[in-house]
């Protein structure tokens, strides 16, 4: 019984120190105000993310086009086309 009394006597100041800490105060303030950020900020962030995703898609498409053009030019440099004769037209029946 003596140990229980000592434990309770030591727990009271310990609880006071913990409850008075800055972390617990910040949590209490947050619960009073609400956990989420203001909805206007969230909407702005969502709109920015959507804009960035769209821009990334555009850049990816342009990059793919540049890669295709580079491959075409590389093939043209490796295998230059020889001058070809114009295709001969069939002679009309006489």
PDB file of N, CA and C in Angstrom:
ATOM      1  N   UNK A   1       0.807  -1.182   0.000  1.00  0.00           N
ATOM      2  CA  UNK A   1       0.000   0.000   0.000  1.00  0.00           C
ATOM      3  C   UNK A   1       0.864   1.267   0.000  1.00  0.00           C
ATOM      4  N   UNK A   2       1.992   1.172   0.675  1.00  0.00           N
ATOM      5  CA  UNK A   2       2.903   2.306   0.731  1.00  0.00           C
ATOM      6  C   UNK A   2       3.454   2.620  -0.659  1.00  0.00           C
ATOM      7  N   UNK A   3       3.748   1.567  -1.432  1.00  0.00           N
ATOM      8  CA  UNK A   3       4.277   1.771  -2.787  1.00  0.00           C
ATOM      9  C   UNK A   3       3.238   2.427  -3.695  1.00  0.00           C
ATOM     10  N   UNK A   4       2.024   2.062  -3.525  1.00  0.00           N
ATOM     11  CA  UNK A   4       0.953   2.675  -4.316  1.00  0.00           C
ATOM     12  C   UNK A   4       0.819   4.159  -3.993  1.00  0.00           C
ATOM     13  N   UNK A   5       0.928   4.495  -2.756  1.00  0.00           N
ATOM     14  CA  UNK A   5       0.855   5.893  -2.341  1.00  0.00           C
ATOM     15  C   UNK A   5       2.027   6.682  -2.910  1.00  0.00           C
ATOM     16  N   UNK A   6       3.206   6.110  -2.868  1.00  0.00           N
ATOM     17  CA  UNK A   6       4.400   6.771  -3.410  1.00  0.00           C
ATOM     18  C   UNK A   6       4.256   6.923  -4.929  1.00  0.00           C
ATOM     19  N   UNK A   7       3.748   5.898  -5.585  1.00  0.00           N
ATOM     20  CA  UNK A   7       3.551   5.951  -7.035  1.00  0.00           C
ATOM     21  C   UNK A   7       2.579   7.055  -7.424  1.00  0.00           C
ATOM     22  N   UNK A   8       1.478   7.174  -6.716  1.00  0.00           N
ATOM     23  CA  UNK A   8       0.499   8.215  -6.999  1.00  0.00           C
ATOM     24  C   UNK A   8       1.095   9.580  -6.701  1.00  0.00           C
ATOM     25  N   UNK A   9       1.849   9.693  -5.617  1.00  0.00           N
ATOM     26  CA  UNK A   9       2.463  10.967  -5.255  1.00  0.00           C
ATOM     27  C   UNK A   9       3.465  11.411  -6.320  1.00  0.00           C
ATOM     28  N   UNK A  10       4.190  10.483  -6.931  1.00  0.00           N
ATOM     29  CA  UNK A  10       5.150  10.823  -7.983  1.00  0.00           C
ATOM     30  C   UNK A  10       4.471  11.024  -9.341  1.00  0.00           C
ATOM     31  N   UNK A  11       3.346  10.388  -9.548  1.00  0.00           N
ATOM     32  CA  UNK A  11       2.657  10.489 -10.836  1.00  0.00           C
ATOM     33  C   UNK A  11       1.992  11.852 -11.009  1.00  0.00           C
ATOM     34  N   UNK A  12       1.581  12.468  -9.929  1.00  0.00           N
ATOM     35  CA  UNK A  12       0.887  13.760 -10.039  1.00  0.00           C
ATOM     36  C   UNK A  12       1.818  14.839 -10.605  1.00  0.00           C
ATOM     37  N   UNK A  13       3.020  15.054 -10.078  1.00  0.00           N
ATOM     38  CA  UNK A  13       3.891  16.077 -10.686  1.00  0.00           C
ATOM     39  C   UNK A  13       4.337  15.691 -12.095  1.00  0.00           C
ATOM     40  N   UNK A  14       4.535  14.400 -12.317  1.00  0.00           N
ATOM     41  CA  UNK A  14       4.940  13.948 -13.645  1.00  0.00           C
ATOM     42  C   UNK A  14       3.851  14.244 -14.667  1.00  0.00           C
ATOM     43  N   UNK A  15       2.604  14.007 -14.307  1.00  0.00           N
ATOM     44  CA  UNK A  15       1.493  14.306 -15.204  1.00  0.00           C
ATOM     45  C   UNK A  15       1.391  15.805 -15.440  1.00  0.00           C
ATOM     46  N   UNK A  16       1.636  16.608 -14.407  1.00  0.00           N
ATOM     47  CA  UNK A  16       1.574  18.060 -14.568  1.00  0.00           C
ATOM     48  C   UNK A  16       2.651  18.547 -15.542  1.00  0.00           C
ATOM     49  N   UNK A  17       3.845  17.985 -15.438  1.00  0.00           N
ATOM     50  CA  UNK A  17       4.937  18.384 -16.342  1.00  0.00           C
ATOM     51  C   UNK A  17       4.608  17.988 -17.770  1.00  0.00           C
ATOM     52  N   UNK A  18       4.086  16.788 -17.955  1.00  0.00           N
ATOM     53  CA  UNK A  18       3.763  16.313 -19.313  1.00  0.00           C
ATOM     54  C   UNK A  18       2.624  17.133 -19.907  1.00  0.00           C
ATOM     55  N   UNK A  19       1.584  17.397 -19.136  1.00  0.00           N
ATOM     56  CA  UNK A  19       0.440  18.147 -19.653  1.00  0.00           C
ATOM     57  C   UNK A  19       0.766  19.610 -19.908  1.00  0.00           C
ATOM     58  N   UNK A  20       1.806  20.117 -19.286  1.00  0.00           N
ATOM     59  CA  UNK A  20       2.200  21.508 -19.477  1.00  0.00           C
ATOM     60  C   UNK A  20       3.261  21.658 -20.577  1.00  0.00           C
ATOM     61  N   UNK A  21       3.596  20.577 -21.238  1.00  0.00           N
ATOM     62  CA  UNK A  21       4.649  20.630 -22.259  1.00  0.00           C
ATOM     63  C   UNK A  21       4.145  21.325 -23.531  1.00  0.00           C
ATOM     64  N   UNK A  22       5.061  21.870 -24.333  1.00  0.00           N
ATOM     65  CA  UNK A  22       4.663  22.562 -25.576  1.00  0.00           C
ATOM     66  C   UNK A  22       3.964  21.638 -26.571  1.00  0.00           C
ATOM     67  N   UNK A  23       4.338  20.391 -26.605  1.00  0.00           N
ATOM     68  CA  UNK A  23       3.722  19.449 -27.542  1.00  0.00           C
ATOM     69  C   UNK A  23       2.243  19.273 -27.214  1.00  0.00           C
ATOM     70  N   UNK A  24       1.937  19.074 -25.948  1.00  0.00           N
ATOM     71  CA  UNK A  24       0.547  18.883 -25.546  1.00  0.00           C
ATOM     72  C   UNK A  24      -0.243  20.173 -25.761  1.00  0.00           C
ATOM     73  N   UNK A  25       0.382  21.332 -25.514  1.00  0.00           N
ATOM     74  CA  UNK A  25      -0.296  22.606 -25.767  1.00  0.00           C
ATOM     75  C   UNK A  25      -0.617  22.769 -27.252  1.00  0.00           C
ATOM     76  N   UNK A  26       0.331  22.400 -28.105  1.00  0.00           N
ATOM     77  CA  UNK A  26       0.096  22.497 -29.549  1.00  0.00           C
ATOM     78  C   UNK A  26      -1.046  21.576 -29.968  1.00  0.00           C
ATOM     79  N   UNK A  27      -1.077  20.375 -29.420  1.00  0.00           N
ATOM     80  CA  UNK A  27      -2.169  19.451 -29.732  1.00  0.00           C
ATOM     81  C   UNK A  27      -3.510  20.011 -29.257  1.00  0.00           C
ATOM     82  N   UNK A  28      -3.522  20.621 -28.091  1.00  0.00           N
ATOM     83  CA  UNK A  28      -4.767  21.195 -27.578  1.00  0.00           C
ATOM     84  C   UNK A  28      -5.223  22.354 -28.457  1.00  0.00           C
ATOM     85  N   UNK A  29      -4.297  23.201 -28.871  1.00  0.00           N
ATOM     86  CA  UNK A  29      -4.656  24.316 -29.764  1.00  0.00           C
ATOM     87  C   UNK A  29      -5.206  23.807 -31.084  1.00  0.00           C
ATOM     88  N   UNK A  30      -4.592  22.765 -31.594  1.00  0.00           N
ATOM     89  CA  UNK A  30      -5.019  22.204 -32.873  1.00  0.00           C
ATOM     90  C   UNK A  30      -6.420  21.625 -32.775  1.00  0.00           C
ATOM     91  N   UNK A  31      -6.733  20.979 -31.670  1.00  0.00           N
ATOM     92  CA  UNK A  31      -8.071  20.407 -31.530  1.00  0.00           C
ATOM     93  C   UNK A  31      -9.115  21.504 -31.349  1.00  0.00           C
ATOM     94  N   UNK A  32      -8.738  22.612 -30.736  1.00  0.00           N
ATOM     95  CA  UNK A  32      -9.681  23.727 -30.606  1.00  0.00           C
ATOM     96  C   UNK A  32      -9.984  24.369 -31.950  1.00  0.00           C
ATOM     97  N   UNK A  33      -8.952  24.551 -32.780  1.00  0.00           N
ATOM     98  CA  UNK A  33      -9.124  25.205 -34.079  1.00  0.00           C
ATOM     99  C   UNK A  33      -9.677  24.257 -35.123  1.00  0.00           C
ATOM    100  N   UNK A  34      -9.366  23.017 -35.028  1.00  0.00           N
ATOM    101  CA  UNK A  34      -9.732  22.036 -36.054  1.00  0.00           C
ATOM    102  C   UNK A  34      -8.435  21.472 -36.635  1.00  0.00           C
ATOM    103  N   UNK A  35      -8.459  20.208 -37.004  1.00  0.00           N
ATOM    104  CA  UNK A  35      -7.229  19.533 -37.441  1.00  0.00           C
ATOM    105  C   UNK A  35      -6.796  19.925 -38.837  1.00  0.00           C
ATOM    106  N   UNK A  36      -7.730  20.143 -39.722  1.00  0.00           N
ATOM    107  CA  UNK A  36      -7.370  20.371 -41.124  1.00  0.00           C
ATOM    108  C   UNK A  36      -7.012  21.842 -41.342  1.00  0.00           C
ATOM    109  N   UNK A  37      -6.251  22.062 -42.403  1.00  0.00           N
ATOM    110  CA  UNK A  37      -5.934  23.428 -42.812  1.00  0.00           C
ATOM    111  C   UNK A  37      -7.208  24.073 -43.356  1.00  0.00           C
ATOM    112  N   UNK A  38      -7.243  25.382 -43.404  1.00  0.00           N
ATOM    113  CA  UNK A  38      -8.427  26.033 -43.970  1.00  0.00           C
ATOM    114  C   UNK A  38      -8.728  25.526 -45.374  1.00  0.00           C
ATOM    115  N   UNK A  39     -10.002  25.402 -45.696  1.00  0.00           N
ATOM    116  CA  UNK A  39     -10.408  24.784 -46.956  1.00  0.00           C
ATOM    117  C   UNK A  39      -9.922  25.573 -48.164  1.00  0.00           C
ATOM    118  N   UNK A  40      -9.783  26.882 -48.041  1.00  0.00           N
ATOM    119  CA  UNK A  40      -9.289  27.694 -49.155  1.00  0.00           C
ATOM    120  C   UNK A  40      -7.870  27.304 -49.531  1.00  0.00           C
ATOM    121  N   UNK A  41      -7.029  27.080 -48.519  1.00  0.00           N
ATOM    122  CA  UNK A  41      -5.649  26.668 -48.784  1.00  0.00           C
ATOM    123  C   UNK A  41      -5.604  25.291 -49.424  1.00  0.00           C
ATOM    124  N   UNK A  42      -6.452  24.400 -48.952  1.00  0.00           N
ATOM    125  CA  UNK A  42      -6.479  23.044 -49.505  1.00  0.00           C
ATOM    126  C   UNK A  42      -6.910  23.085 -50.967  1.00  0.00           C
ATOM    127  N   UNK A  43      -7.910  23.915 -51.264  1.00  0.00           N
ATOM    128  CA  UNK A  43      -8.373  24.023 -52.655  1.00  0.00           C
ATOM    129  C   UNK A  43      -7.286  24.604 -53.547  1.00  0.00           C
ATOM    130  N   UNK A  44      -6.554  25.601 -53.036  1.00  0.00           N
ATOM    131  CA  UNK A  44      -5.463  26.179 -53.823  1.00  0.00           C
ATOM    132  C   UNK A  44      -4.378  25.148 -54.088  1.00  0.00           C
ATOM    133  N   UNK A  45      -4.034  24.383 -53.067  1.00  0.00           N
ATOM    134  CA  UNK A  45      -3.016  23.353 -53.248  1.00  0.00           C
ATOM    135  C   UNK A  45      -3.468  22.288 -54.236  1.00  0.00           C
ATOM    136  N   UNK A  46      -4.726  21.891 -54.162  1.00  0.00           N
ATOM    137  CA  UNK A  46      -5.252  20.899 -55.095  1.00  0.00           C
ATOM    138  C   UNK A  46      -5.212  21.427 -56.522  1.00  0.00           C
ATOM    139  N   UNK A  47      -5.545  22.699 -56.688  1.00  0.00           N
ATOM    140  CA  UNK A  47      -5.515  23.298 -58.022  1.00  0.00           C
ATOM    141  C   UNK A  47      -4.079  23.374 -58.550  1.00  0.00           C
ATOM    142  N   UNK A  48      -3.139  23.708 -57.689  1.00  0.00           N
ATOM    143  CA  UNK A  48      -1.731  23.760 -58.106  1.00  0.00           C
ATOM    144  C   UNK A  48      -1.226  22.382 -58.501  1.00  0.00           C
ATOM    145  N   UNK A  49      -1.598  21.376 -57.743  1.00  0.00           N
ATOM    146  CA  UNK A  49      -1.177  20.010 -58.062  1.00  0.00           C
ATOM    147  C   UNK A  49      -1.750  19.582 -59.407  1.00  0.00           C
ATOM    148  N   UNK A  50      -3.014  19.901 -59.647  1.00  0.00           N
ATOM    149  CA  UNK A  50      -3.648  19.550 -60.917  1.00  0.00           C
ATOM    150  C   UNK A  50      -2.958  20.254 -62.082  1.00  0.00           C
ATOM    151  N   UNK A  51      -2.618  21.526 -61.893  1.00  0.00           N
ATOM    152  CA  UNK A  51      -1.916  22.277 -62.936  1.00  0.00           C
ATOM    153  C   UNK A  51      -0.544  21.655 -63.206  1.00  0.00           C
ATOM    154  N   UNK A  52       0.164  21.311 -62.152  1.00  0.00           N
ATOM    155  CA  UNK A  52       1.480  20.695 -62.322  1.00  0.00           C
ATOM    156  C   UNK A  52       1.384  19.352 -63.040  1.00  0.00           C
ATOM    157  N   UNK A  53       0.378  18.556 -62.707  1.00  0.00           N
ATOM    158  CA  UNK A  53       0.204  17.267 -63.376  1.00  0.00           C
ATOM    159  C   UNK A  53      -0.065  17.464 -64.868  1.00  0.00           C
ATOM    160  N   UNK A  54      -0.877  18.451 -65.203  1.00  0.00           N
ATOM    161  CA  UNK A  54      -1.165  18.733 -66.611  1.00  0.00           C
ATOM    162  C   UNK A  54       0.098  19.162 -67.333  1.00  0.00           C
ATOM    163  N   UNK A  55       0.873  20.032 -66.715  1.00  0.00           N
ATOM    164  CA  UNK A  55       2.117  20.496 -67.334  1.00  0.00           C
ATOM    165  C   UNK A  55       3.107  19.350 -67.514  1.00  0.00           C
ATOM    166  N   UNK A  56       3.154  18.442 -66.564  1.00  0.00           N
ATOM    167  CA  UNK A  56       4.060  17.293 -66.674  1.00  0.00           C
ATOM    168  C   UNK A  56       3.642  16.404 -67.838  1.00  0.00           C
ATOM    169  N   UNK A  57       2.344  16.215 -68.021  1.00  0.00           N
ATOM    170  CA  UNK A  57       1.869  15.423 -69.154  1.00  0.00           C
ATOM    171  C   UNK A  57       2.282  16.067 -70.475  1.00  0.00           C
ATOM    172  N   UNK A  58       2.145  17.386 -70.569  1.00  0.00           N
ATOM    173  CA  UNK A  58       2.537  18.097 -71.790  1.00  0.00           C
ATOM    174  C   UNK A  58       4.029  17.938 -72.038  1.00  0.00           C
ATOM    175  N   UNK A  59       4.824  18.103 -71.007  1.00  0.00           N
ATOM    176  CA  UNK A  59       6.277  17.969 -71.148  1.00  0.00           C
ATOM    177  C   UNK A  59       6.644  16.544 -71.556  1.00  0.00           C
ATOM    178  N   UNK A  60       5.966  15.552 -71.013  1.00  0.00           N
ATOM    179  CA  UNK A  60       6.246  14.159 -71.379  1.00  0.00           C
ATOM    180  C   UNK A  60       5.928  13.898 -72.850  1.00  0.00           C
ATOM    181  N   UNK A  61       4.808  14.464 -73.329  1.00  0.00           N
ATOM    182  CA  UNK A  61       4.472  14.297 -74.751  1.00  0.00           C
ATOM    183  C   UNK A  61       5.516  14.960 -75.643  1.00  0.00           C
ATOM    184  N   UNK A  62       5.918  16.159 -75.282  1.00  0.00           N
ATOM    185  CA  UNK A  62       6.928  16.864 -76.081  1.00  0.00           C
ATOM    186  C   UNK A  62       8.258  16.124 -76.051  1.00  0.00           C
ATOM    187  N   UNK A  63       8.605  15.556 -74.916  1.00  0.00           N
ATOM    188  CA  UNK A  63       9.834  14.788 -74.805  1.00  0.00           C
ATOM    189  C   UNK A  63       9.777  13.552 -75.696  1.00  0.00           C
ATOM    190  N   UNK A  64       8.633  12.886 -75.737  1.00  0.00           N
ATOM    191  CA  UNK A  64       8.488  11.712 -76.601  1.00  0.00           C
ATOM    192  C   UNK A  64       8.642  12.108 -78.077  1.00  0.00           C
ATOM    193  N   UNK A  65       8.067  13.256 -78.455  1.00  0.00           N
ATOM    194  CA  UNK A  65       8.203  13.728 -79.834  1.00  0.00           C
ATOM    195  C   UNK A  65       9.658  14.047 -80.155  1.00  0.00           C
ATOM    196  N   UNK A  66      10.363  14.666 -79.215  1.00  0.00           N
ATOM    197  CA  UNK A  66      11.776  14.969 -79.434  1.00  0.00           C
ATOM    198  C   UNK A  66      12.602  13.691 -79.579  1.00  0.00           C
ATOM    199  N   UNK A  67      12.286  12.683 -78.789  1.00  0.00           N
ATOM    200  CA  UNK A  67      13.005  11.410 -78.893  1.00  0.00           C
ATOM    201  C   UNK A  67      12.777  10.772 -80.265  1.00  0.00           C
ATOM    202  N   UNK A  68      11.519  10.798 -80.728  1.00  0.00           N
ATOM    203  CA  UNK A  68      11.223  10.231 -82.045  1.00  0.00           C
ATOM    204  C   UNK A  68      11.973  10.985 -83.135  1.00  0.00           C
ATOM    205  N   UNK A  69      11.986  12.302 -83.053  1.00  0.00           N
ATOM    206  CA  UNK A  69      12.702  13.098 -84.053  1.00  0.00           C
ATOM    207  C   UNK A  69      14.193  12.836 -84.006  1.00  0.00           C
ATOM    208  N   UNK A  70      14.745  12.694 -82.831  1.00  0.00           N
ATOM    209  CA  UNK A  70      16.175  12.407 -82.693  1.00  0.00           C
ATOM    210  C   UNK A  70      16.506  11.043 -83.269  1.00  0.00           C
ATOM    211  N   UNK A  71      15.654  10.051 -83.031  1.00  0.00           N
ATOM    212  CA  UNK A  71      15.889   8.719 -83.596  1.00  0.00           C
ATOM    213  C   UNK A  71      15.823   8.765 -85.114  1.00  0.00           C
ATOM    214  N   UNK A  72      14.860   9.505 -85.659  1.00  0.00           N
ATOM    215  CA  UNK A  72      14.739   9.621 -87.114  1.00  0.00           C
ATOM    216  C   UNK A  72      15.991  10.265 -87.696  1.00  0.00           C
ATOM    217  N   UNK A  73      16.447  11.353 -87.087  1.00  0.00           N
ATOM    218  CA  UNK A  73      17.645  12.026 -87.590  1.00  0.00           C
ATOM    219  C   UNK A  73      18.866  11.122 -87.479  1.00  0.00           C
ATOM    220  N   UNK A  74      18.959  10.355 -86.391  1.00  0.00           N
ATOM    221  CA  UNK A  74      20.084   9.437 -86.220  1.00  0.00           C
ATOM    222  C   UNK A  74      20.078   8.371 -87.318  1.00  0.00           C
ATOM    223  N   UNK A  75      18.902   7.856 -87.649  1.00  0.00           N
ATOM    224  CA  UNK A  75      18.805   6.866 -88.719  1.00  0.00           C
ATOM    225  C   UNK A  75      19.177   7.479 -90.062  1.00  0.00           C
ATOM    226  N   UNK A  76      18.764   8.709 -90.287  1.00  0.00           N
ATOM    227  CA  UNK A  76      19.095   9.384 -91.544  1.00  0.00           C
ATOM    228  C   UNK A  76      20.605   9.611 -91.659  1.00  0.00           C
ATOM    229  N   UNK A  77      21.257   9.916 -90.544  1.00  0.00           N
ATOM    230  CA  UNK A  77      22.700  10.125 -90.570  1.00  0.00           C
ATOM    231  C   UNK A  77      23.453   8.817 -90.763  1.00  0.00           C
ATOM    232  N   UNK A  78      22.953   7.738 -90.176  1.00  0.00           N
ATOM    233  CA  UNK A  78      23.614   6.449 -90.301  1.00  0.00           C
ATOM    234  C   UNK A  78      23.395   5.830 -91.677  1.00  0.00           C
ATOM    235  N   UNK A  79      22.235   6.013 -92.255  1.00  0.00           N
ATOM    236  CA  UNK A  79      21.903   5.431 -93.556  1.00  0.00           C
ATOM    237  C   UNK A  79      21.452   6.535 -94.500  1.00  0.00           C
ATOM    238  N   UNK A  80      22.392   7.299 -95.035  1.00  0.00           N
ATOM    239  CA  UNK A  80      21.949   8.378 -95.927  1.00  0.00           C
ATOM    240  C   UNK A  80      21.281   7.797 -97.170  1.00  0.00           C
ATOM    241  N   UNK A  81      20.254   8.456 -97.600  1.00  0.00           N
ATOM    242  CA  UNK A  81      19.514   7.988 -98.773  1.00  0.00           C
ATOM    243  C   UNK A  81      20.322   8.292-100.021  1.00  0.00           C
ATOM    244  N   UNK A  82      20.425   7.313-100.888  1.00  0.00           N
ATOM    245  CA  UNK A  82      21.100   7.531-102.163  1.00  0.00           C
ATOM    246  C   UNK A  82      20.101   8.140-103.124  1.00  0.00           C
ATOM    247  N   UNK A  83      20.572   9.002-104.025  1.00  0.00           N
ATOM    248  CA  UNK A  83      19.622   9.587-104.968  1.00  0.00           C
ATOM    249  C   UNK A  83      18.973   8.474-105.791  1.00  0.00           C
ATOM    250  N   UNK A  84      17.698   8.489-105.818  1.00  0.00           N
ATOM    251  CA  UNK A  84      16.961   7.450-106.553  1.00  0.00           C
ATOM    252  C   UNK A  84      16.448   8.036-107.858  1.00  0.00           C
ATOM    253  N   UNK A  85      16.269   7.153-108.780  1.00  0.00           N
ATOM    254  CA  UNK A  85      15.680   7.582-110.047  1.00  0.00           C
ATOM    255  C   UNK A  85      14.187   7.751-109.852  1.00  0.00           C
ATOM    256  N   UNK A  86      13.630   8.637-110.616  1.00  0.00           N
ATOM    257  CA  UNK A  86      12.198   8.830-110.545  1.00  0.00           C
ATOM    258  C   UNK A  86      11.513   7.551-111.002  1.00  0.00           C
ATOM    259  N   UNK A  87      10.441   7.177-110.395  1.00  0.00           N
ATOM    260  CA  UNK A  87       9.764   5.948-110.817  1.00  0.00           C
ATOM    261  C   UNK A  87       9.285   6.092-112.258  1.00  0.00           C
ATOM    262  N   UNK A  88       9.483   5.024-112.979  1.00  0.00           N
ATOM    263  CA  UNK A  88       9.088   5.031-114.394  1.00  0.00           C
ATOM    264  C   UNK A  88       7.607   4.734-114.489  1.00  0.00           C
ATOM    265  N   UNK A  89       6.973   5.542-115.320  1.00  0.00           N
ATOM    266  CA  UNK A  89       5.543   5.351-115.547  1.00  0.00           C
ATOM    267  C   UNK A  89       5.349   4.296-116.639  1.00  0.00           C
ATOM    268  N   UNK A  90       4.315   3.509-116.525  1.00  0.00           N
ATOM    269  CA  UNK A  90       4.065   2.534-117.599  1.00  0.00           C
ATOM    270  C   UNK A  90       3.722   3.250-118.896  1.00  0.00           C
ATOM    271  N   UNK A  91       4.185   2.656-119.969  1.00  0.00           N
ATOM    272  CA  UNK A  91       3.921   3.260-121.295  1.00  0.00           C
ATOM    273  C   UNK A  91       2.463   3.029-121.642  1.00  0.00           C
ATOM    274  N   UNK A  92       1.861   4.048-122.239  1.00  0.00           N
ATOM    275  CA  UNK A  92       0.453   3.876-122.632  1.00  0.00           C
ATOM    276  C   UNK A  92       0.359   2.899-123.803  1.00  0.00           C
ATOM    277  N   UNK A  93      -0.689   2.130-123.854  1.00  0.00           N
ATOM    278  CA  UNK A  93      -0.842   1.175-124.967  1.00  0.00           C
ATOM    279  C   UNK A  93      -0.983   1.924-126.284  1.00  0.00           C
ATOM    280  N   UNK A  94      -0.350   1.393-127.256  1.00  0.00           N
ATOM    281  CA  UNK A  94      -0.345   2.067-128.564  1.00  0.00           C
ATOM    282  C   UNK A  94      -1.494   1.658-129.429  1.00  0.00           C
TER     283      UNK A  94
END
